[in-house]
Amino acid sequence: MSIATEIVTMKIAPDITKEMFVSIVDQLERNFHSKQIGFIDTELLYDDESGDWTMVQHWETMDQLKTASEKMFQDAEAAAFVKALNPASVKMSILPQIKVWGK
């Protein structure tokens, strides 16, 4: 199965703490992403040195990923997440899976 992966790197707004952002992302995942067709999972990562956050998401298809991504910016469940970001810092990559190696 070839899945689609979205990798988003971002910084948060100055008035948002790490704890607040984790809670905001938790709500986003429970109330928005997990309800989208084709959603598989999300991983949230943080780099202490740069202050960058990275989200890695997996989707069943590229079309499902793109549909959810477009919908997110118009959905009330995602509003707190969008407001918590420093918009100029957001960098997104959407990539098709080529091969997987496991244990």
PDB file of N, CA and C in Angstrom:
ATOM      1  N   MET A   1       0.837  -1.189   0.000  1.00  0.00           N
ATOM      2  CA  MET A   1       0.000   0.000   0.000  1.00  0.00           C
ATOM      3  C   MET A   1       0.878   1.248   0.000  1.00  0.00           C
ATOM      4  N   SER A   2       0.652   2.133  -0.937  1.00  0.00           N
ATOM      5  CA  SER A   2       1.385   3.387  -0.997  1.00  0.00           C
ATOM      6  C   SER A   2       0.534   4.476  -0.356  1.00  0.00           C
ATOM      7  N   ILE A   3       1.042   5.086   0.675  1.00  0.00           N
ATOM      8  CA  ILE A   3       0.304   6.125   1.380  1.00  0.00           C
ATOM      9  C   ILE A   3       0.899   7.493   1.065  1.00  0.00           C
ATOM     10  N   ALA A   4       0.212   8.534   1.483  1.00  0.00           N
ATOM     11  CA  ALA A   4       0.700   9.900   1.327  1.00  0.00           C
ATOM     12  C   ALA A   4       1.131  10.419   2.692  1.00  0.00           C
ATOM     13  N   THR A   5       2.228  11.154   2.713  1.00  0.00           N
ATOM     14  CA  THR A   5       2.753  11.718   3.954  1.00  0.00           C
ATOM     15  C   THR A   5       2.818  13.231   3.822  1.00  0.00           C
ATOM     16  N   GLU A   6       2.332  13.898   4.850  1.00  0.00           N
ATOM     17  CA  GLU A   6       2.426  15.354   4.918  1.00  0.00           C
ATOM     18  C   GLU A   6       3.361  15.692   6.068  1.00  0.00           C
ATOM     19  N   ILE A   7       4.347  16.538   5.795  1.00  0.00           N
ATOM     20  CA  ILE A   7       5.290  16.985   6.823  1.00  0.00           C
ATOM     21  C   ILE A   7       5.179  18.504   6.889  1.00  0.00           C
ATOM     22  N   VAL A   8       4.787  18.997   8.073  1.00  0.00           N
ATOM     23  CA  VAL A   8       4.627  20.433   8.259  1.00  0.00           C
ATOM     24  C   VAL A   8       5.548  20.873   9.392  1.00  0.00           C
ATOM     25  N   THR A   9       6.388  21.860   9.099  1.00  0.00           N
ATOM     26  CA  THR A   9       7.266  22.455  10.104  1.00  0.00           C
ATOM     27  C   THR A   9       6.753  23.859  10.379  1.00  0.00           C
ATOM     28  N   MET A  10       6.702  24.245  11.658  1.00  0.00           N
ATOM     29  CA  MET A  10       6.120  25.534  12.013  1.00  0.00           C
ATOM     30  C   MET A  10       6.652  26.032  13.342  1.00  0.00           C
ATOM     31  N   LYS A  11       6.446  27.304  13.588  1.00  0.00           N
ATOM     32  CA  LYS A  11       6.654  27.906  14.899  1.00  0.00           C
ATOM     33  C   LYS A  11       5.287  28.372  15.381  1.00  0.00           C
ATOM     34  N   ILE A  12       5.152  28.467  16.696  1.00  0.00           N
ATOM     35  CA  ILE A  12       3.876  28.903  17.250  1.00  0.00           C
ATOM     36  C   ILE A  12       3.938  30.392  17.595  1.00  0.00           C
ATOM     37  N   ALA A  13       2.763  30.984  17.744  1.00  0.00           N
ATOM     38  CA  ALA A  13       2.659  32.393  18.112  1.00  0.00           C
ATOM     39  C   ALA A  13       3.303  32.608  19.481  1.00  0.00           C
ATOM     40  N   PRO A  14       3.862  33.793  19.719  1.00  0.00           N
ATOM     41  CA  PRO A  14       4.587  34.049  20.978  1.00  0.00           C
ATOM     42  C   PRO A  14       3.753  33.873  22.245  1.00  0.00           C
ATOM     43  N   ASP A  15       2.445  34.063  22.162  1.00  0.00           N
ATOM     44  CA  ASP A  15       1.606  33.960  23.359  1.00  0.00           C
ATOM     45  C   ASP A  15       1.125  32.536  23.642  1.00  0.00           C
ATOM     46  N   ILE A  16       1.591  31.565  22.843  1.00  0.00           N
ATOM     47  CA  ILE A  16       1.186  30.166  23.011  1.00  0.00           C
ATOM     48  C   ILE A  16       2.345  29.381  23.649  1.00  0.00           C
ATOM     49  N   THR A  17       2.070  28.700  24.762  1.00  0.00           N
ATOM     50  CA  THR A  17       3.100  27.876  25.408  1.00  0.00           C
ATOM     51  C   THR A  17       3.145  26.495  24.759  1.00  0.00           C
ATOM     52  N   LYS A  18       4.196  25.749  25.059  1.00  0.00           N
ATOM     53  CA  LYS A  18       4.299  24.374  24.550  1.00  0.00           C
ATOM     54  C   LYS A  18       3.099  23.542  25.005  1.00  0.00           C
ATOM     55  N   GLU A  19       2.750  23.659  26.270  1.00  0.00           N
ATOM     56  CA  GLU A  19       1.638  22.877  26.817  1.00  0.00           C
ATOM     57  C   GLU A  19       0.320  23.242  26.131  1.00  0.00           C
ATOM     58  N   MET A  20       0.121  24.536  25.898  1.00  0.00           N
ATOM     59  CA  MET A  20      -1.087  24.989  25.212  1.00  0.00           C
ATOM     60  C   MET A  20      -1.143  24.411  23.795  1.00  0.00           C
ATOM     61  N   PHE A  21       0.004  24.440  23.106  1.00  0.00           N
ATOM     62  CA  PHE A  21       0.021  23.969  21.722  1.00  0.00           C
ATOM     63  C   PHE A  21      -0.253  22.468  21.647  1.00  0.00           C
ATOM     64  N   VAL A  22       0.331  21.691  22.539  1.00  0.00           N
ATOM     65  CA  VAL A  22       0.065  20.249  22.554  1.00  0.00           C
ATOM     66  C   VAL A  22      -1.431  20.001  22.767  1.00  0.00           C
ATOM     67  N   SER A  23      -2.043  20.760  23.652  1.00  0.00           N
ATOM     68  CA  SER A  23      -3.476  20.622  23.895  1.00  0.00           C
ATOM     69  C   SER A  23      -4.291  21.011  22.659  1.00  0.00           C
ATOM     70  N   ILE A  24      -3.884  22.077  21.981  1.00  0.00           N
ATOM     71  CA  ILE A  24      -4.561  22.521  20.760  1.00  0.00           C
ATOM     72  C   ILE A  24      -4.455  21.448  19.678  1.00  0.00           C
ATOM     73  N   VAL A  25      -3.272  20.872  19.521  1.00  0.00           N
ATOM     74  CA  VAL A  25      -3.087  19.819  18.516  1.00  0.00           C
ATOM     75  C   VAL A  25      -3.890  18.578  18.893  1.00  0.00           C
ATOM     76  N   ASP A  26      -3.936  18.253  20.171  1.00  0.00           N
ATOM     77  CA  ASP A  26      -4.732  17.118  20.626  1.00  0.00           C
ATOM     78  C   ASP A  26      -6.199  17.293  20.216  1.00  0.00           C
ATOM     79  N   GLN A  27      -6.724  18.483  20.424  1.00  0.00           N
ATOM     80  CA  GLN A  27      -8.112  18.765  20.033  1.00  0.00           C
ATOM     81  C   GLN A  27      -8.282  18.683  18.517  1.00  0.00           C
ATOM     82  N   LEU A  28      -7.317  19.207  17.771  1.00  0.00           N
ATOM     83  CA  LEU A  28      -7.356  19.149  16.310  1.00  0.00           C
ATOM     84  C   LEU A  28      -7.401  17.703  15.825  1.00  0.00           C
ATOM     85  N   GLU A  29      -6.579  16.859  16.420  1.00  0.00           N
ATOM     86  CA  GLU A  29      -6.518  15.462  15.998  1.00  0.00           C
ATOM     87  C   GLU A  29      -7.786  14.704  16.379  1.00  0.00           C
ATOM     88  N   ARG A  30      -8.306  14.951  17.567  1.00  0.00           N
ATOM     89  CA  ARG A  30      -9.513  14.252  18.022  1.00  0.00           C
ATOM     90  C   ARG A  30     -10.777  14.726  17.299  1.00  0.00           C
ATOM     91  N   ASN A  31     -10.861  16.039  17.064  1.00  0.00           N
ATOM     92  CA  ASN A  31     -12.103  16.613  16.556  1.00  0.00           C
ATOM     93  C   ASN A  31     -12.111  16.902  15.062  1.00  0.00           C
ATOM     94  N   PHE A  32     -10.935  16.881  14.429  1.00  0.00           N
ATOM     95  CA  PHE A  32     -10.916  17.155  12.994  1.00  0.00           C
ATOM     96  C   PHE A  32     -10.241  16.034  12.202  1.00  0.00           C
ATOM     97  N   HIS A  33      -8.925  15.904  12.331  1.00  0.00           N
ATOM     98  CA  HIS A  33      -8.210  14.943  11.480  1.00  0.00           C
ATOM     99  C   HIS A  33      -8.729  13.520  11.605  1.00  0.00           C
ATOM    100  N   SER A  34      -8.954  13.061  12.822  1.00  0.00           N
ATOM    101  CA  SER A  34      -9.381  11.670  13.014  1.00  0.00           C
ATOM    102  C   SER A  34     -10.740  11.381  12.379  1.00  0.00           C
ATOM    103  N   LYS A  35     -11.484  12.418  12.044  1.00  0.00           N
ATOM    104  CA  LYS A  35     -12.797  12.244  11.435  1.00  0.00           C
ATOM    105  C   LYS A  35     -12.771  12.364   9.909  1.00  0.00           C
ATOM    106  N   GLN A  36     -11.590  12.622   9.359  1.00  0.00           N
ATOM    107  CA  GLN A  36     -11.480  12.784   7.917  1.00  0.00           C
ATOM    108  C   GLN A  36     -11.265  11.441   7.230  1.00  0.00           C
ATOM    109  N   ILE A  37     -11.857  11.284   6.061  1.00  0.00           N
ATOM    110  CA  ILE A  37     -11.717  10.054   5.282  1.00  0.00           C
ATOM    111  C   ILE A  37     -10.254   9.897   4.862  1.00  0.00           C
ATOM    112  N   GLY A  38      -9.700   8.721   5.106  1.00  0.00           N
ATOM    113  CA  GLY A  38      -8.341   8.413   4.696  1.00  0.00           C
ATOM    114  C   GLY A  38      -7.262   8.716   5.709  1.00  0.00           C
ATOM    115  N   PHE A  39      -7.626   9.339   6.834  1.00  0.00           N
ATOM    116  CA  PHE A  39      -6.634   9.676   7.860  1.00  0.00           C
ATOM    117  C   PHE A  39      -6.100   8.404   8.514  1.00  0.00           C
ATOM    118  N   ILE A  40      -4.772   8.327   8.676  1.00  0.00           N
ATOM    119  CA  ILE A  40      -4.148   7.180   9.340  1.00  0.00           C
ATOM    120  C   ILE A  40      -3.616   7.592  10.715  1.00  0.00           C
ATOM    121  N   ASP A  41      -2.697   8.556  10.754  1.00  0.00           N
ATOM    122  CA  ASP A  41      -2.135   8.988  12.038  1.00  0.00           C
ATOM    123  C   ASP A  41      -1.392  10.308  11.906  1.00  0.00           C
ATOM    124  N   THR A  42      -1.104  10.892  13.078  1.00  0.00           N
ATOM    125  CA  THR A  42      -0.314  12.122  13.177  1.00  0.00           C
ATOM    126  C   THR A  42       0.730  11.935  14.256  1.00  0.00           C
ATOM    127  N   GLU A  43       1.908  12.466  13.998  1.00  0.00           N
ATOM    128  CA  GLU A  43       2.982  12.482  14.986  1.00  0.00           C
ATOM    129  C   GLU A  43       3.388  13.942  15.174  1.00  0.00           C
ATOM    130  N   LEU A  44       3.530  14.394  16.417  1.00  0.00           N
ATOM    131  CA  LEU A  44       3.948  15.758  16.724  1.00  0.00           C
ATOM    132  C   LEU A  44       5.340  15.710  17.335  1.00  0.00           C
ATOM    133  N   LEU A  45       6.235  16.524  16.794  1.00  0.00           N
ATOM    134  CA  LEU A  45       7.628  16.557  17.231  1.00  0.00           C
ATOM    135  C   LEU A  45       8.023  17.998  17.568  1.00  0.00           C
ATOM    136  N   TYR A  46       9.005  18.153  18.467  1.00  0.00           N
ATOM    137  CA  TYR A  46       9.464  19.490  18.844  1.00  0.00           C
ATOM    138  C   TYR A  46      10.982  19.501  18.943  1.00  0.00           C
ATOM    139  N   ASP A  47      11.593  20.553  18.398  1.00  0.00           N
ATOM    140  CA  ASP A  47      13.051  20.740  18.453  1.00  0.00           C
ATOM    141  C   ASP A  47      13.349  21.845  19.466  1.00  0.00           C
ATOM    142  N   ASP A  48      13.911  21.474  20.619  1.00  0.00           N
ATOM    143  CA  ASP A  48      14.213  22.445  21.672  1.00  0.00           C
ATOM    144  C   ASP A  48      15.173  23.533  21.214  1.00  0.00           C
ATOM    145  N   GLU A  49      16.122  23.187  20.372  1.00  0.00           N
ATOM    146  CA  GLU A  49      17.131  24.161  19.942  1.00  0.00           C
ATOM    147  C   GLU A  49      16.559  25.240  19.035  1.00  0.00           C
ATOM    148  N   SER A  50      15.777  24.852  18.050  1.00  0.00           N
ATOM    149  CA  SER A  50      15.251  25.829  17.080  1.00  0.00           C
ATOM    150  C   SER A  50      13.875  26.366  17.458  1.00  0.00           C
ATOM    151  N   GLY A  51      13.160  25.641  18.319  1.00  0.00           N
ATOM    152  CA  GLY A  51      11.793  26.017  18.644  1.00  0.00           C
ATOM    153  C   GLY A  51      10.801  25.627  17.558  1.00  0.00           C
ATOM    154  N   ASP A  52      11.243  24.795  16.619  1.00  0.00           N
ATOM    155  CA  ASP A  52      10.375  24.343  15.534  1.00  0.00           C
ATOM    156  C   ASP A  52       9.535  23.154  15.968  1.00  0.00           C
ATOM    157  N   TRP A  53       8.291  23.153  15.537  1.00  0.00           N
ATOM    158  CA  TRP A  53       7.380  22.028  15.696  1.00  0.00           C
ATOM    159  C   TRP A  53       7.271  21.348  14.344  1.00  0.00           C
ATOM    160  N   THR A  54       7.135  20.027  14.348  1.00  0.00           N
ATOM    161  CA  THR A  54       6.927  19.282  13.115  1.00  0.00           C
ATOM    162  C   THR A  54       5.774  18.313  13.326  1.00  0.00           C
ATOM    163  N   MET A  55       4.858  18.323  12.361  1.00  0.00           N
ATOM    164  CA  MET A  55       3.765  17.350  12.355  1.00  0.00           C
ATOM    165  C   MET A  55       3.985  16.447  11.152  1.00  0.00           C
ATOM    166  N   VAL A  56       3.894  15.147  11.379  1.00  0.00           N
ATOM    167  CA  VAL A  56       3.989  14.163  10.303  1.00  0.00           C
ATOM    168  C   VAL A  56       2.657  13.431  10.286  1.00  0.00           C
ATOM    169  N   GLN A  57       1.994  13.485   9.136  1.00  0.00           N
ATOM    170  CA  GLN A  57       0.704  12.816   9.002  1.00  0.00           C
ATOM    171  C   GLN A  57       0.745  11.817   7.867  1.00  0.00           C
ATOM    172  N   HIS A  58       0.017  10.734   8.055  1.00  0.00           N
ATOM    173  CA  HIS A  58      -0.116   9.712   7.019  1.00  0.00           C
ATOM    174  C   HIS A  58      -1.578   9.598   6.618  1.00  0.00           C
ATOM    175  N   TRP A  59      -1.780   9.474   5.310  1.00  0.00           N
ATOM    176  CA  TRP A  59      -3.118   9.384   4.723  1.00  0.00           C
ATOM    177  C   TRP A  59      -3.142   8.237   3.738  1.00  0.00           C
ATOM    178  N   GLU A  60      -4.314   7.656   3.554  1.00  0.00           N
ATOM    179  CA  GLU A  60      -4.450   6.531   2.629  1.00  0.00           C
ATOM    180  C   GLU A  60      -4.153   6.927   1.187  1.00  0.00           C
ATOM    181  N   THR A  61      -4.572   8.142   0.784  1.00  0.00           N
ATOM    182  CA  THR A  61      -4.308   8.590  -0.588  1.00  0.00           C
ATOM    183  C   THR A  61      -3.930  10.066  -0.596  1.00  0.00           C
ATOM    184  N   MET A  62      -3.284  10.481  -1.653  1.00  0.00           N
ATOM    185  CA  MET A  62      -2.909  11.869  -1.840  1.00  0.00           C
ATOM    186  C   MET A  62      -4.153  12.757  -1.946  1.00  0.00           C
ATOM    187  N   ASP A  63      -5.178  12.288  -2.646  1.00  0.00           N
ATOM    188  CA  ASP A  63      -6.412  13.075  -2.790  1.00  0.00           C
ATOM    189  C   ASP A  63      -7.099  13.299  -1.446  1.00  0.00           C
ATOM    190  N   GLN A  64      -7.131  12.286  -0.590  1.00  0.00           N
ATOM    191  CA  GLN A  64      -7.749  12.430   0.724  1.00  0.00           C
ATOM    192  C   GLN A  64      -6.976  13.430   1.579  1.00  0.00           C
ATOM    193  N   LEU A  65      -5.666  13.387   1.506  1.00  0.00           N
ATOM    194  CA  LEU A  65      -4.824  14.335   2.230  1.00  0.00           C
ATOM    195  C   LEU A  65      -5.128  15.755   1.772  1.00  0.00           C
ATOM    196  N   LYS A  66      -5.145  15.975   0.468  1.00  0.00           N
ATOM    197  CA  LYS A  66      -5.377  17.317  -0.068  1.00  0.00           C
ATOM    198  C   LYS A  66      -6.774  17.831   0.274  1.00  0.00           C
ATOM    199  N   THR A  67      -7.773  16.972   0.217  1.00  0.00           N
ATOM    200  CA  THR A  67      -9.140  17.368   0.566  1.00  0.00           C
ATOM    201  C   THR A  67      -9.216  17.809   2.020  1.00  0.00           C
ATOM    202  N   ALA A  68      -8.627  17.038   2.920  1.00  0.00           N
ATOM    203  CA  ALA A  68      -8.647  17.386   4.350  1.00  0.00           C
ATOM    204  C   ALA A  68      -7.867  18.663   4.609  1.00  0.00           C
ATOM    205  N   SER A  69      -6.752  18.833   3.934  1.00  0.00           N
ATOM    206  CA  SER A  69      -5.925  20.023   4.113  1.00  0.00           C
ATOM    207  C   SER A  69      -6.685  21.281   3.706  1.00  0.00           C
ATOM    208  N   GLU A  70      -7.385  21.230   2.595  1.00  0.00           N
ATOM    209  CA  GLU A  70      -8.181  22.373   2.141  1.00  0.00           C
ATOM    210  C   GLU A  70      -9.332  22.659   3.104  1.00  0.00           C
ATOM    211  N   LYS A  71      -9.963  21.609   3.587  1.00  0.00           N
ATOM    212  CA  LYS A  71     -11.103  21.740   4.492  1.00  0.00           C
ATOM    213  C   LYS A  71     -10.691  22.317   5.847  1.00  0.00           C
ATOM    214  N   MET A  72      -9.468  22.009   6.283  1.00  0.00           N
ATOM    215  CA  MET A  72      -9.008  22.409   7.607  1.00  0.00           C
ATOM    216  C   MET A  72      -9.081  23.919   7.813  1.00  0.00           C
ATOM    217  N   PHE A  73      -8.755  24.693   6.801  1.00  0.00           N
ATOM    218  CA  PHE A  73      -8.711  26.144   6.964  1.00  0.00           C
ATOM    219  C   PHE A  73     -10.104  26.780   6.961  1.00  0.00           C
ATOM    220  N   GLN A  74     -11.140  25.969   6.773  1.00  0.00           N
ATOM    221  CA  GLN A  74     -12.511  26.469   6.799  1.00  0.00           C
ATOM    222  C   GLN A  74     -13.333  25.836   7.913  1.00  0.00           C
ATOM    223  N   ASP A  75     -12.740  24.945   8.691  1.00  0.00           N
ATOM    224  CA  ASP A  75     -13.463  24.192   9.706  1.00  0.00           C
ATOM    225  C   ASP A  75     -13.267  24.817  11.085  1.00  0.00           C
ATOM    226  N   ALA A  76     -14.363  24.989  11.826  1.00  0.00           N
ATOM    227  CA  ALA A  76     -14.306  25.590  13.163  1.00  0.00           C
ATOM    228  C   ALA A  76     -13.441  24.779  14.121  1.00  0.00           C
ATOM    229  N   GLU A  77     -13.405  23.454  13.957  1.00  0.00           N
ATOM    230  CA  GLU A  77     -12.606  22.591  14.839  1.00  0.00           C
ATOM    231  C   GLU A  77     -11.102  22.837  14.685  1.00  0.00           C
ATOM    232  N   ALA A  78     -10.697  23.437  13.571  1.00  0.00           N
ATOM    233  CA  ALA A  78      -9.278  23.680  13.310  1.00  0.00           C
ATOM    234  C   ALA A  78      -8.869  25.129  13.582  1.00  0.00           C
ATOM    235  N   ALA A  79      -9.815  25.989  13.910  1.00  0.00           N
ATOM    236  CA  ALA A  79      -9.539  27.419  14.064  1.00  0.00           C
ATOM    237  C   ALA A  79      -8.478  27.718  15.128  1.00  0.00           C
ATOM    238  N   ALA A  80      -8.543  27.069  16.273  1.00  0.00           N
ATOM    239  CA  ALA A  80      -7.573  27.334  17.343  1.00  0.00           C
ATOM    240  C   ALA A  80      -6.163  26.964  16.899  1.00  0.00           C
ATOM    241  N   PHE A  81      -6.036  25.866  16.147  1.00  0.00           N
ATOM    242  CA  PHE A  81      -4.727  25.453  15.637  1.00  0.00           C
ATOM    243  C   PHE A  81      -4.180  26.504  14.679  1.00  0.00           C
ATOM    244  N   VAL A  82      -4.979  26.929  13.740  1.00  0.00           N
ATOM    245  CA  VAL A  82      -4.540  27.912  12.745  1.00  0.00           C
ATOM    246  C   VAL A  82      -4.126  29.211  13.447  1.00  0.00           C
ATOM    247  N   LYS A  83      -4.879  29.653  14.434  1.00  0.00           N
ATOM    248  CA  LYS A  83      -4.570  30.888  15.165  1.00  0.00           C
ATOM    249  C   LYS A  83      -3.312  30.768  16.015  1.00  0.00           C
ATOM    250  N   ALA A  84      -2.956  29.551  16.418  1.00  0.00           N
ATOM    251  CA  ALA A  84      -1.786  29.339  17.279  1.00  0.00           C
ATOM    252  C   ALA A  84      -0.466  29.397  16.512  1.00  0.00           C
ATOM    253  N   LEU A  85      -0.526  29.388  15.195  1.00  0.00           N
ATOM    254  CA  LEU A  85       0.682  29.341  14.378  1.00  0.00           C
ATOM    255  C   LEU A  85       1.234  30.721  14.063  1.00  0.00           C
ATOM    256  N   ASN A  86       2.544  30.769  13.838  1.00  0.00           N
ATOM    257  CA  ASN A  86       3.185  31.921  13.221  1.00  0.00           C
ATOM    258  C   ASN A  86       3.104  31.642  11.722  1.00  0.00           C
ATOM    259  N   PRO A  87       2.182  32.283  11.001  1.00  0.00           N
ATOM    260  CA  PRO A  87       1.908  31.911   9.607  1.00  0.00           C
ATOM    261  C   PRO A  87       3.137  31.968   8.697  1.00  0.00           C
ATOM    262  N   ALA A  88       4.038  32.907   8.945  1.00  0.00           N
ATOM    263  CA  ALA A  88       5.219  33.048   8.085  1.00  0.00           C
ATOM    264  C   ALA A  88       6.196  31.881   8.245  1.00  0.00           C
ATOM    265  N   SER A  89       6.058  31.112   9.321  1.00  0.00           N
ATOM    266  CA  SER A  89       7.011  30.033   9.598  1.00  0.00           C
ATOM    267  C   SER A  89       6.594  28.678   9.026  1.00  0.00           C
ATOM    268  N   VAL A  90       5.371  28.576   8.542  1.00  0.00           N
ATOM    269  CA  VAL A  90       4.823  27.278   8.137  1.00  0.00           C
ATOM    270  C   VAL A  90       5.423  26.824   6.809  1.00  0.00           C
ATOM    271  N   LYS A  91       5.985  25.610   6.817  1.00  0.00           N
ATOM    272  CA  LYS A  91       6.536  24.989   5.614  1.00  0.00           C
ATOM    273  C   LYS A  91       5.930  23.598   5.502  1.00  0.00           C
ATOM    274  N   MET A  92       5.351  23.287   4.342  1.00  0.00           N
ATOM    275  CA  MET A  92       4.655  22.024   4.170  1.00  0.00           C
ATOM    276  C   MET A  92       5.214  21.255   2.982  1.00  0.00           C
ATOM    277  N   SER A  93       5.360  19.943   3.174  1.00  0.00           N
ATOM    278  CA  SER A  93       5.719  19.029   2.092  1.00  0.00           C
ATOM    279  C   SER A  93       4.701  17.907   2.066  1.00  0.00           C
ATOM    280  N   ILE A  94       4.248  17.558   0.873  1.00  0.00           N
ATOM    281  CA  ILE A  94       3.339  16.436   0.690  1.00  0.00           C
ATOM    282  C   ILE A  94       4.030  15.471  -0.258  1.00  0.00           C
ATOM    283  N   LEU A  95       4.245  14.251   0.235  1.00  0.00           N
ATOM    284  CA  LEU A  95       5.063  13.297  -0.504  1.00  0.00           C
ATOM    285  C   LEU A  95       4.400  11.930  -0.603  1.00  0.00           C
ATOM    286  N   PRO A  96       4.522  11.285  -1.748  1.00  0.00           N
ATOM    287  CA  PRO A  96       4.017   9.915  -1.861  1.00  0.00           C
ATOM    288  C   PRO A  96       5.046   8.938  -1.294  1.00  0.00           C
ATOM    289  N   GLN A  97       4.546   7.902  -0.676  1.00  0.00           N
ATOM    290  CA  GLN A  97       5.428   6.862  -0.153  1.00  0.00           C
ATOM    291  C   GLN A  97       5.953   6.017  -1.311  1.00  0.00           C
ATOM    292  N   ILE A  98       7.242   5.772  -1.323  1.00  0.00           N
ATOM    293  CA  ILE A  98       7.863   4.968  -2.371  1.00  0.00           C
ATOM    294  C   ILE A  98       8.112   3.537  -1.899  1.00  0.00           C
ATOM    295  N   LYS A  99       8.665   3.381  -0.704  1.00  0.00           N
ATOM    296  CA  LYS A  99       8.984   2.062  -0.173  1.00  0.00           C
ATOM    297  C   LYS A  99       9.041   2.147   1.341  1.00  0.00           C
ATOM    298  N   VAL A 100       8.762   1.025   2.006  1.00  0.00           N
ATOM    299  CA  VAL A 100       8.806   0.958   3.466  1.00  0.00           C
ATOM    300  C   VAL A 100       9.694  -0.211   3.876  1.00  0.00           C
ATOM    301  N   TRP A 101      10.511   0.037   4.888  1.00  0.00           N
ATOM    302  CA  TRP A 101      11.305  -1.039   5.491  1.00  0.00           C
ATOM    303  C   TRP A 101      10.852  -1.170   6.929  1.00  0.00           C
ATOM    304  N   GLY A 102      10.777  -2.332   7.436  1.00  0.00           N
ATOM    305  CA  GLY A 102      10.359  -2.558   8.815  1.00  0.00           C
ATOM    306  C   GLY A 102      11.380  -3.369   9.579  1.00  0.00           C
ATOM    307  N   LYS A 103      11.067  -3.633  10.787  1.00  0.00           N
ATOM    308  CA  LYS A 103      11.947  -4.393  11.686  1.00  0.00           C
ATOM    309  C   LYS A 103      12.100  -5.809  11.208  1.00  0.00           C
TER     310      LYS A 103
END
